Amino acid sequence: MDAVTPLISTKVQDKLLLSACHLLVSLATTVRPVFLISIPAVQKVFNRITDASAQRLVDKAQVLVCRALSNILLLPWPNLPENEQQWPVRSINHTSLISALSRDYRNLKSSAVASQRKMPLDDTKVIIHQTLSVLEDIVENISGESTKSRQICYNSLQESVQVSLALFPAFIHQSDVTDEMLSFFLTLFRGLRVQMGVPFTEQIIQTFLNMFTREQLAESILHEGSTGCRVVEKFLKILQVVVQEPGQVFKPFLPSIIALCMEQVYPIIAERPSPDVKAELFELLFRTLHHNWRYFFKSTVLASVQRGIAEEQMENEPQFSAIMQAFGQSFLQPDIHLFKQNLFYLETLNTKQKLYHKKIFRTSMLFQFVNVLLQVLVHKSHDLLQEEIAIAIYNMASVDFDGFFAAFLPEFLTSCDGVDANQKNVLGRNFKMDRDLPSFTQNVHRLVNDLRYYRLCNDSLPPGTVKL
């Protein structure tokens, strides 16, 4: 340590400085000697980092050193029982460390609340960036540790988290700032959700839902470029964590979250590329369905015993229908990554929750989805996914094979352009009524290829040609 600590200085070249910082992190995280905190050289690093008058290290080095110092105080010492871990003293020291690191940041609260900034905006942004990059890294590195470590960490961070929530509305139109704040909150939700407690977590979610109005979302997505889109993506990621939470605590937010998705975010991005925002939105919709199935389908013991006789009771039908319609629309768009993701989500919901068998899907959506997927195969727009698409068509058709062969297939062929009645009859006759997966998908591919072939032949004939 005597050799390492002199290198942790602004006067040392970055490459050497970062190597020293990484070594300190390794000692604090992997080796974890009990006596590390009492070594004078380490105490010197503590004093340097917490001294407001000392010159700050470059960002990456500052983050690494702060991570090391935090881990020295938070990580349990190996091979020592719980009663010898000295948690009370370490907790006090960790609170002092975080307090010193966030001093300037916490002072921003009074000026933000009063709407009178005491310093230039650029200086404020620097403080926010420097502080949140350090705090976020500390949380991220403790998120997989013991409950005791996470509890001490959150106790130290509590005031800074509350300041962040108070500052958020004041910087809602500064996408670079909201991007960093939402990164911090996302890390908190993933790592310290239990420690934050239900009331404060609810307050955070409600604040975000209130701030992200349709106008604000439109501003972020349409006018702010990549940073604005990242802000919305992170907001949707936070909501993904919320909707996956087991139990009833956050269920009251479901109507607001679904409304935000379908009435505010979706209309803005539906007809725009926005691939990253779309991917996060549909993941949020999928997780909402997957983890909150009973919000839409009330299952009873009798219904599960008499499966196929008793139907599950449907609730919140308009929201469910809107979500399914959005999934259907996504299959009409050229983004192959989104197509693959959403097809996987539907198939997962069918495997886990029997989506295709639900009455609402079976009676009003099933063959619309089959039609869209068949059209995609015919138009060769997503040829890389033709096997996945054919299997999905089979899984949907197998719910009602009789309806597929007797009603859907003739209707589909009738609606096909570019082929005559005789060719349609041939296509219909050639589609065998096989009900096993390999034969059915083979029939689908034959239908698609023959339909393409007929269209190609018909298009190449000169006008007025008599078709045989």
Protein backbone atom coordinates (compact mmCIF):
# COMPACT_ATOMS: atom_id res chain seq x y z
CA MET A 1 0.00 0.00 0.00
CA ASP A 2 2.92 2.32 0.68
CA ALA A 3 3.95 1.88 -2.96
CA VAL A 4 0.42 2.24 -4.41
CA THR A 5 -0.99 5.28 -2.62
CA PRO A 6 1.56 7.85 -3.89
CA LEU A 7 0.43 6.93 -7.43
CA ILE A 8 -3.15 7.98 -6.64
CA SER A 9 -2.52 11.59 -7.53
CA THR A 10 -3.38 14.11 -10.23
CA LYS A 11 0.34 14.47 -10.91
CA VAL A 12 0.67 10.86 -12.08
CA GLN A 13 0.06 9.79 -15.69
CA ASP A 14 -3.44 8.40 -16.30
CA LYS A 15 -2.26 4.92 -17.29
CA LEU A 16 -0.22 4.47 -14.12
CA LEU A 17 -2.89 6.14 -11.99
CA LEU A 18 -5.62 3.79 -13.26
CA SER A 19 -3.40 0.73 -12.68
CA ALA A 20 -2.90 1.82 -9.05
CA CYS A 21 -6.66 2.37 -8.67
CA HIS A 22 -7.47 -1.10 -10.06
CA LEU A 23 -4.98 -2.67 -7.64
CA LEU A 24 -6.65 -0.86 -4.74
CA VAL A 25 -10.07 -2.12 -5.91
CA SER A 26 -8.74 -5.70 -6.08
CA LEU A 27 -7.37 -5.49 -2.53
CA ALA A 28 -10.63 -4.05 -1.21
CA THR A 29 -12.95 -6.39 -3.11
CA THR A 30 -11.14 -9.72 -3.47
CA VAL A 31 -8.53 -9.88 -0.71
CA ARG A 32 -10.48 -7.87 1.93
CA PRO A 33 -7.93 -7.90 4.77
CA VAL A 34 -9.40 -6.79 8.12
CA PHE A 35 -6.52 -4.39 8.78
CA LEU A 36 -6.76 -2.56 5.43
CA ILE A 37 -8.69 0.37 6.89
CA SER A 38 -6.12 0.90 9.64
CA ILE A 39 -3.10 1.17 7.30
CA PRO A 40 -1.90 4.82 7.32
CA ALA A 41 -1.48 4.82 3.52
CA VAL A 42 -5.16 3.84 3.06
CA GLN A 43 -6.29 6.44 5.60
CA LYS A 44 -4.32 8.97 3.57
CA VAL A 45 -6.35 8.03 0.46
CA PHE A 46 -9.57 8.41 2.49
CA ASN A 47 -8.52 11.88 3.62
CA ARG A 48 -7.50 12.90 0.11
CA ILE A 49 -10.78 11.78 -1.49
CA THR A 50 -12.98 13.39 1.18
CA ASP A 51 -11.02 16.66 1.30
CA ALA A 52 -13.13 19.29 -0.48
CA SER A 53 -10.05 21.40 -1.23
CA ALA A 54 -8.07 18.57 -2.86
CA GLN A 55 -7.94 18.45 -6.65
CA ARG A 56 -10.28 15.78 -8.05
CA LEU A 57 -8.85 12.81 -9.93
CA VAL A 58 -9.91 12.12 -13.53
CA ASP A 59 -13.44 10.67 -13.63
CA LYS A 60 -12.54 7.01 -14.09
CA ALA A 61 -9.89 7.07 -11.36
CA GLN A 62 -12.21 8.90 -8.96
CA VAL A 63 -14.92 6.28 -9.50
CA LEU A 64 -12.48 3.39 -8.93
CA VAL A 65 -10.97 4.85 -5.74
CA CYS A 66 -14.41 5.62 -4.30
CA ARG A 67 -15.53 2.07 -5.15
CA ALA A 68 -12.50 0.67 -3.31
CA LEU A 69 -13.04 2.84 -0.22
CA SER A 70 -16.74 1.98 -0.15
CA ASN A 71 -16.03 -1.75 -0.50
CA ILE A 72 -13.48 -1.62 2.35
CA LEU A 73 -16.31 -0.46 4.61
CA LEU A 74 -19.22 -2.45 3.15
CA LEU A 75 -17.98 -5.90 2.22
CA PRO A 76 -17.91 -8.50 5.01
CA TRP A 77 -14.47 -9.64 6.12
CA PRO A 78 -13.79 -13.28 5.20
CA ASN A 79 -13.59 -16.00 7.86
CA LEU A 80 -15.00 -13.79 10.63
CA PRO A 81 -18.33 -14.29 12.43
CA GLU A 82 -21.05 -11.64 12.14
CA ASN A 83 -20.47 -10.26 15.64
CA GLU A 84 -16.82 -9.45 14.80
CA GLN A 85 -17.54 -7.52 11.58
CA GLN A 86 -17.64 -4.15 13.42
CA TRP A 87 -20.70 -3.06 11.40
CA PRO A 88 -21.66 -0.08 13.62
CA VAL A 89 -18.24 1.61 13.23
CA ARG A 90 -18.03 0.76 9.52
CA SER A 91 -21.53 2.12 8.98
CA ILE A 92 -20.61 5.47 10.59
CA ASN A 93 -17.46 5.68 8.48
CA HIS A 94 -19.37 4.84 5.28
CA THR A 95 -21.95 7.53 6.01
CA SER A 96 -19.10 10.03 6.47
CA LEU A 97 -17.52 8.92 3.19
CA ILE A 98 -20.74 9.30 1.16
CA SER A 99 -21.55 12.58 2.90
CA ALA A 100 -18.19 14.02 1.84
CA LEU A 101 -18.48 12.69 -1.72
CA SER A 102 -21.98 14.14 -2.17
CA ARG A 103 -21.48 17.44 -0.30
CA ASP A 104 -21.74 19.75 -3.33
CA TYR A 105 -24.54 17.66 -4.84
CA ARG A 106 -26.73 17.85 -1.74
CA ASN A 107 -26.24 21.62 -1.66
CA LEU A 108 -27.94 21.86 -5.06
CA LYS A 109 -31.30 20.98 -3.54
CA SER A 110 -32.06 24.39 -2.02
CA SER A 111 -31.36 26.27 -5.26
CA ALA A 112 -33.38 23.81 -7.36
CA VAL A 113 -36.40 23.93 -5.07
CA ALA A 114 -36.25 27.72 -4.97
CA SER A 115 -35.93 27.74 -8.80
CA GLN A 116 -33.03 30.15 -8.43
CA ARG A 117 -29.75 28.63 -9.47
CA LYS A 118 -26.83 30.06 -7.53
CA MET A 119 -24.29 28.82 -10.06
CA PRO A 120 -24.13 28.52 -13.87
CA LEU A 121 -25.99 25.55 -15.39
CA ASP A 122 -22.79 23.99 -16.76
CA ASP A 123 -21.18 23.98 -13.30
CA THR A 124 -24.30 22.37 -11.86
CA LYS A 125 -24.22 19.69 -14.54
CA VAL A 126 -20.58 18.91 -13.73
CA ILE A 127 -21.43 18.39 -10.03
CA ILE A 128 -24.39 16.15 -10.94
CA HIS A 129 -22.29 14.08 -13.35
CA GLN A 130 -19.32 13.71 -10.99
CA THR A 131 -21.43 12.73 -7.99
CA LEU A 132 -23.91 10.39 -9.67
CA SER A 133 -21.20 8.50 -11.60
CA VAL A 134 -19.52 7.70 -8.26
CA LEU A 135 -22.71 6.85 -6.34
CA GLU A 136 -24.12 4.72 -9.16
CA ASP A 137 -20.91 2.70 -9.33
CA ILE A 138 -20.95 2.14 -5.55
CA VAL A 139 -24.55 0.87 -5.68
CA GLU A 140 -23.89 -1.33 -8.71
CA ASN A 141 -20.95 -3.00 -6.98
CA ILE A 142 -22.86 -3.72 -3.78
CA SER A 143 -26.12 -4.91 -5.40
CA GLY A 144 -25.23 -8.61 -5.21
CA GLU A 145 -23.87 -8.50 -1.65
CA SER A 146 -25.40 -9.38 1.72
CA THR A 147 -28.47 -7.61 3.11
CA LYS A 148 -26.35 -5.95 5.81
CA SER A 149 -23.96 -4.42 3.26
CA ARG A 150 -26.84 -3.13 1.13
CA GLN A 151 -28.64 -1.71 4.16
CA ILE A 152 -25.58 0.26 5.28
CA CYS A 153 -25.07 1.47 1.72
CA TYR A 154 -28.65 2.73 1.42
CA ASN A 155 -28.56 4.41 4.84
CA SER A 156 -25.52 6.38 3.67
CA LEU A 157 -27.10 7.22 0.31
CA GLN A 158 -30.59 8.07 1.55
CA GLU A 159 -30.21 11.84 1.57
CA SER A 160 -28.57 11.89 -1.88
CA VAL A 161 -31.41 9.77 -3.28
CA GLN A 162 -33.99 12.18 -1.87
CA VAL A 163 -32.04 15.12 -3.32
CA SER A 164 -32.02 13.38 -6.71
CA LEU A 165 -35.80 13.03 -6.62
CA ALA A 166 -36.19 16.70 -5.63
CA LEU A 167 -33.83 17.82 -8.42
CA PHE A 168 -35.42 15.67 -11.12
CA PRO A 169 -38.38 17.95 -12.00
CA ALA A 170 -36.06 20.99 -12.17
CA PHE A 171 -33.95 19.30 -14.86
CA ILE A 172 -36.69 17.50 -16.82
CA HIS A 173 -35.88 19.53 -19.96
CA GLN A 174 -32.12 18.86 -19.69
CA SER A 175 -31.94 15.42 -21.29
CA ASP A 176 -28.26 14.88 -20.44
CA VAL A 177 -29.01 15.42 -16.73
CA THR A 178 -32.20 13.32 -16.67
CA ASP A 179 -30.29 10.57 -18.48
CA GLU A 180 -27.74 10.39 -15.64
CA MET A 181 -30.40 10.67 -12.94
CA LEU A 182 -32.47 7.85 -14.43
CA SER A 183 -29.33 5.69 -14.73
CA PHE A 184 -28.80 6.22 -11.01
CA PHE A 185 -32.43 5.42 -10.17
CA LEU A 186 -32.39 2.33 -12.41
CA THR A 187 -29.31 1.04 -10.55
CA LEU A 188 -31.06 1.78 -7.23
CA PHE A 189 -34.21 -0.07 -8.29
CA ARG A 190 -32.19 -3.08 -9.37
CA GLY A 191 -29.87 -3.21 -6.36
CA LEU A 192 -31.46 -1.52 -3.34
CA ARG A 193 -35.20 -1.75 -4.01
CA VAL A 194 -35.92 -3.61 -0.76
CA GLN A 195 -33.80 -1.19 1.29
CA MET A 196 -35.57 1.87 -0.19
CA GLY A 197 -38.87 0.62 1.20
CA VAL A 198 -42.33 0.71 -0.34
CA PRO A 199 -43.48 4.28 0.49
CA PHE A 200 -40.39 5.98 -0.97
CA THR A 201 -40.35 3.68 -4.01
CA GLU A 202 -44.00 4.58 -4.64
CA GLN A 203 -43.09 8.26 -4.35
CA ILE A 204 -40.33 7.85 -6.97
CA ILE A 205 -42.61 6.01 -9.41
CA GLN A 206 -45.39 8.56 -8.98
CA THR A 207 -42.97 11.46 -9.53
CA PHE A 208 -41.74 9.89 -12.77
CA LEU A 209 -45.26 9.14 -14.00
CA ASN A 210 -46.27 12.75 -13.29
CA MET A 211 -43.20 14.24 -14.98
CA PHE A 212 -43.29 12.16 -18.15
CA THR A 213 -46.33 13.74 -19.75
CA ARG A 214 -47.08 13.06 -23.40
CA GLU A 215 -45.53 16.42 -24.31
CA GLN A 216 -42.36 15.61 -22.37
CA LEU A 217 -42.11 12.15 -23.94
CA ALA A 218 -42.60 13.63 -27.40
CA GLU A 219 -39.90 16.23 -26.71
CA SER A 220 -37.50 13.52 -25.56
CA ILE A 221 -38.16 11.11 -28.42
CA LEU A 222 -38.67 13.51 -31.33
CA HIS A 223 -36.45 16.49 -30.67
CA GLU A 224 -33.68 15.47 -28.31
CA GLY A 225 -31.88 12.93 -30.47
CA SER A 226 -30.10 9.97 -28.92
CA THR A 227 -29.89 11.37 -25.38
CA GLY A 228 -33.64 12.05 -25.25
CA CYS A 229 -34.35 8.52 -26.45
CA ARG A 230 -31.99 7.09 -23.82
CA VAL A 231 -33.94 8.95 -21.13
CA VAL A 232 -37.20 7.30 -22.22
CA GLU A 233 -35.50 3.89 -22.51
CA LYS A 234 -34.21 4.11 -18.93
CA PHE A 235 -37.61 5.22 -17.67
CA LEU A 236 -39.17 2.16 -19.35
CA LYS A 237 -36.43 -0.07 -17.85
CA ILE A 238 -37.31 1.23 -14.37
CA LEU A 239 -40.97 0.39 -15.00
CA GLN A 240 -39.90 -3.11 -16.14
CA VAL A 241 -38.37 -3.65 -12.69
CA VAL A 242 -41.59 -2.37 -11.06
CA VAL A 243 -44.02 -4.61 -12.99
CA GLN A 244 -41.91 -7.71 -12.23
CA GLU A 245 -42.07 -7.15 -8.47
CA PRO A 246 -43.93 -10.05 -6.80
CA GLY A 247 -46.77 -9.44 -4.38
CA GLN A 248 -49.41 -6.74 -4.39
CA VAL A 249 -47.32 -3.71 -3.40
CA PHE A 250 -46.95 -2.07 -6.82
CA LYS A 251 -50.10 -3.49 -8.45
CA PRO A 252 -51.97 -0.16 -8.02
CA PHE A 253 -49.52 1.37 -10.53
CA LEU A 254 -50.41 -1.10 -13.31
CA PRO A 255 -53.28 0.94 -14.82
CA SER A 256 -51.08 4.08 -14.92
CA ILE A 257 -48.11 2.19 -16.40
CA ILE A 258 -50.22 0.55 -19.11
CA ALA A 259 -51.93 3.86 -19.89
CA LEU A 260 -48.54 5.57 -20.16
CA CYS A 261 -47.35 2.86 -22.58
CA MET A 262 -50.43 2.69 -24.79
CA GLU A 263 -51.75 6.25 -24.69
CA GLN A 264 -48.53 8.27 -24.46
CA VAL A 265 -45.40 6.41 -25.58
CA TYR A 266 -46.85 4.07 -28.22
CA PRO A 267 -48.65 6.71 -30.35
CA ILE A 268 -45.39 8.71 -30.59
CA ILE A 269 -43.21 5.80 -31.73
CA ALA A 270 -45.74 3.62 -33.62
CA GLU A 271 -44.94 5.07 -37.05
CA ARG A 272 -41.32 6.06 -36.36
CA PRO A 273 -38.19 3.88 -36.44
CA SER A 274 -37.12 4.49 -32.74
CA PRO A 275 -35.82 0.89 -32.53
CA ASP A 276 -34.36 1.10 -29.02
CA VAL A 277 -37.39 2.77 -27.45
CA LYS A 278 -39.70 0.27 -29.19
CA ALA A 279 -37.66 -2.68 -27.92
CA GLU A 280 -37.89 -1.40 -24.32
CA LEU A 281 -41.60 -0.57 -24.66
CA PHE A 282 -42.52 -4.04 -25.90
CA GLU A 283 -40.34 -5.66 -23.24
CA LEU A 284 -42.26 -3.63 -20.65
CA LEU A 285 -45.60 -4.72 -22.17
CA PHE A 286 -44.44 -8.35 -22.22
CA ARG A 287 -43.29 -8.24 -18.59
CA THR A 288 -46.53 -6.53 -17.59
CA LEU A 289 -48.50 -9.43 -19.10
CA HIS A 290 -46.12 -12.18 -18.00
CA HIS A 291 -45.84 -11.13 -14.33
CA ASN A 292 -49.38 -9.78 -13.91
CA TRP A 293 -51.49 -12.29 -15.82
CA ARG A 294 -54.17 -12.24 -13.15
CA TYR A 295 -54.66 -8.52 -13.72
CA PHE A 296 -56.25 -9.59 -17.01
CA PHE A 297 -57.40 -13.16 -16.34
CA LYS A 298 -58.89 -14.03 -12.97
CA SER A 299 -58.25 -17.72 -12.51
CA THR A 300 -60.43 -19.77 -10.19
CA VAL A 301 -59.74 -23.20 -8.73
CA LEU A 302 -62.81 -24.56 -10.52
CA ALA A 303 -61.64 -23.14 -13.85
CA SER A 304 -58.24 -24.76 -13.50
CA VAL A 305 -59.79 -28.12 -12.53
CA GLN A 306 -62.29 -28.00 -15.41
CA ARG A 307 -59.81 -26.63 -17.95
CA GLY A 308 -61.51 -26.29 -21.28
CA ILE A 309 -65.00 -26.18 -19.75
CA ALA A 310 -64.86 -23.12 -17.53
CA GLU A 311 -63.40 -19.93 -19.03
CA GLU A 312 -61.20 -17.67 -16.96
CA GLN A 313 -62.85 -14.39 -16.10
CA MET A 314 -61.53 -11.54 -18.28
CA GLU A 315 -60.75 -8.16 -16.74
CA ASN A 316 -59.29 -4.94 -18.15
CA GLU A 317 -60.15 -6.17 -21.64
CA PRO A 318 -59.61 -2.83 -23.49
CA GLN A 319 -56.02 -2.60 -22.18
CA PHE A 320 -55.30 -6.22 -23.12
CA SER A 321 -56.72 -5.72 -26.62
CA ALA A 322 -54.68 -2.53 -27.13
CA ILE A 323 -51.47 -4.34 -26.11
CA MET A 324 -52.19 -7.23 -28.49
CA GLN A 325 -52.98 -4.81 -31.30
CA ALA A 326 -49.62 -3.09 -30.75
CA PHE A 327 -47.87 -6.48 -31.00
CA GLY A 328 -49.76 -7.20 -34.22
CA GLN A 329 -48.77 -3.84 -35.71
CA SER A 330 -45.10 -4.47 -34.90
CA PHE A 331 -45.16 -7.50 -37.24
CA LEU A 332 -46.05 -5.20 -40.16
CA GLN A 333 -42.89 -3.14 -39.75
CA PRO A 334 -39.47 -3.78 -41.32
CA ASP A 335 -37.44 -3.99 -38.06
CA ILE A 336 -36.41 -7.66 -37.99
CA HIS A 337 -34.95 -7.48 -34.45
CA LEU A 338 -38.22 -6.14 -33.04
CA PHE A 339 -40.15 -8.77 -35.03
CA LYS A 340 -38.02 -11.58 -33.60
CA GLN A 341 -38.25 -10.21 -30.05
CA ASN A 342 -42.04 -9.79 -30.17
CA LEU A 343 -42.66 -13.18 -31.78
CA PHE A 344 -40.61 -14.73 -28.96
CA TYR A 345 -42.69 -12.80 -26.39
CA LEU A 346 -46.00 -14.06 -27.84
CA GLU A 347 -44.72 -17.64 -28.00
CA THR A 348 -43.48 -17.38 -24.39
CA LEU A 349 -46.87 -16.09 -23.22
CA ASN A 350 -48.50 -19.02 -25.01
CA THR A 351 -46.11 -21.56 -23.46
CA LYS A 352 -46.43 -20.14 -19.94
CA GLN A 353 -49.97 -18.75 -19.91
CA LYS A 354 -51.78 -20.43 -22.86
CA LEU A 355 -52.28 -17.04 -24.54
CA TYR A 356 -53.57 -18.45 -27.84
CA HIS A 357 -56.19 -20.53 -26.01
CA LYS A 358 -57.78 -17.59 -24.17
CA LYS A 359 -61.29 -16.88 -25.41
CA ILE A 360 -60.58 -13.23 -26.31
CA PHE A 361 -57.51 -14.20 -28.35
CA ARG A 362 -59.12 -17.28 -29.90
CA THR A 363 -62.29 -15.53 -31.03
CA SER A 364 -61.12 -12.09 -32.12
CA MET A 365 -57.34 -12.12 -32.68
CA LEU A 366 -56.08 -15.59 -33.55
CA PHE A 367 -56.57 -15.63 -37.31
CA GLN A 368 -55.64 -11.95 -37.66
CA PHE A 369 -52.20 -12.85 -36.30
CA VAL A 370 -52.00 -15.95 -38.54
CA ASN A 371 -52.92 -13.78 -41.54
CA VAL A 372 -50.22 -11.20 -40.74
CA LEU A 373 -47.55 -13.89 -40.25
CA LEU A 374 -48.49 -15.62 -43.52
CA GLN A 375 -48.33 -12.31 -45.38
CA VAL A 376 -44.85 -11.72 -43.93
CA LEU A 377 -43.72 -15.10 -45.30
CA VAL A 378 -45.25 -14.35 -48.71
CA HIS A 379 -43.56 -10.95 -48.95
CA LYS A 380 -40.16 -12.41 -47.89
CA SER A 381 -39.62 -9.36 -45.67
CA HIS A 382 -38.23 -11.41 -42.76
CA ASP A 383 -36.86 -14.51 -44.50
CA LEU A 384 -34.24 -15.09 -41.80
CA LEU A 385 -37.08 -15.91 -39.39
CA GLN A 386 -39.18 -18.13 -41.65
CA GLU A 387 -38.84 -21.21 -39.40
CA GLU A 388 -39.82 -19.29 -36.25
CA ILE A 389 -42.77 -17.72 -38.10
CA ALA A 390 -43.98 -21.10 -39.44
CA ILE A 391 -43.83 -22.63 -35.93
CA ALA A 392 -45.79 -19.68 -34.49
CA ILE A 393 -48.43 -20.11 -37.24
CA TYR A 394 -48.69 -23.79 -36.28
CA ASN A 395 -49.04 -23.00 -32.57
CA MET A 396 -51.84 -20.53 -33.34
CA ALA A 397 -53.62 -22.72 -35.90
CA SER A 398 -53.46 -25.77 -33.60
CA VAL A 399 -55.81 -24.01 -31.17
CA ASP A 400 -58.57 -24.34 -33.80
CA PHE A 401 -57.48 -26.56 -36.69
CA ASP A 402 -61.07 -27.00 -37.89
CA GLY A 403 -61.52 -23.23 -38.13
CA PHE A 404 -58.13 -22.88 -39.84
CA PHE A 405 -58.83 -25.42 -42.59
CA ALA A 406 -62.56 -24.75 -43.07
CA ALA A 407 -62.74 -20.96 -42.74
CA PHE A 408 -59.39 -19.19 -42.51
CA LEU A 409 -57.51 -20.84 -45.38
CA PRO A 410 -60.29 -20.35 -48.00
CA GLU A 411 -60.71 -16.72 -46.87
CA PHE A 412 -56.97 -16.12 -47.01
CA LEU A 413 -56.76 -17.49 -50.56
CA THR A 414 -59.83 -15.52 -51.67
CA SER A 415 -58.17 -12.30 -50.49
CA CYS A 416 -54.87 -13.01 -52.29
CA ASP A 417 -54.10 -10.65 -55.17
CA GLY A 418 -52.19 -11.61 -58.30
CA VAL A 419 -53.58 -15.15 -58.67
CA ASP A 420 -56.72 -16.33 -60.48
CA ALA A 421 -59.54 -18.52 -59.14
CA ASN A 422 -58.12 -21.72 -60.63
CA GLN A 423 -54.71 -21.10 -59.07
CA LYS A 424 -56.37 -20.40 -55.71
CA ASN A 425 -58.20 -23.74 -55.93
CA VAL A 426 -54.93 -25.54 -56.65
CA LEU A 427 -53.25 -23.81 -53.68
CA GLY A 428 -56.14 -24.82 -51.41
CA ARG A 429 -56.13 -28.46 -52.59
CA ASN A 430 -52.36 -28.75 -52.18
CA PHE A 431 -52.51 -27.65 -48.52
CA LYS A 432 -52.95 -31.03 -46.83
CA MET A 433 -54.91 -31.21 -43.57
CA ASP A 434 -51.92 -32.50 -41.59
CA ARG A 435 -51.98 -31.64 -37.90
CA ASP A 436 -48.43 -32.52 -36.86
CA LEU A 437 -45.82 -29.76 -36.69
CA PRO A 438 -43.32 -30.94 -39.38
CA SER A 439 -46.02 -31.66 -41.99
CA PHE A 440 -47.97 -28.50 -41.23
CA THR A 441 -44.93 -26.20 -41.51
CA GLN A 442 -43.93 -27.99 -44.74
CA ASN A 443 -47.43 -27.25 -46.10
CA VAL A 444 -47.11 -23.60 -45.06
CA HIS A 445 -43.78 -23.23 -46.88
CA ARG A 446 -45.21 -24.98 -49.97
CA LEU A 447 -48.23 -22.66 -49.99
CA VAL A 448 -46.02 -19.59 -49.68
CA ASN A 449 -43.60 -20.71 -52.41
CA ASP A 450 -46.39 -21.73 -54.82
CA LEU A 451 -48.23 -18.46 -54.24
CA ARG A 452 -45.05 -16.51 -54.98
CA TYR A 453 -44.44 -18.64 -58.09
CA TYR A 454 -47.95 -18.05 -59.48
CA ARG A 455 -47.66 -14.32 -58.89
CA LEU A 456 -44.28 -14.22 -60.61
CA CYS A 457 -45.62 -16.13 -63.64
CA ASN A 458 -48.74 -13.96 -63.87
CA ASP A 459 -46.73 -10.74 -63.60
CA SER A 460 -44.43 -11.81 -66.43
CA LEU A 461 -47.28 -12.55 -68.88
CA PRO A 462 -48.08 -9.86 -71.47
CA PRO A 463 -51.48 -8.09 -71.09
CA GLY A 464 -54.43 -9.98 -72.59
CA THR A 465 -52.82 -13.43 -72.33
CA VAL A 466 -55.32 -16.24 -71.78
CA LYS A 467 -54.35 -18.08 -68.58
CA LEU A 468 -54.80 -21.85 -68.68
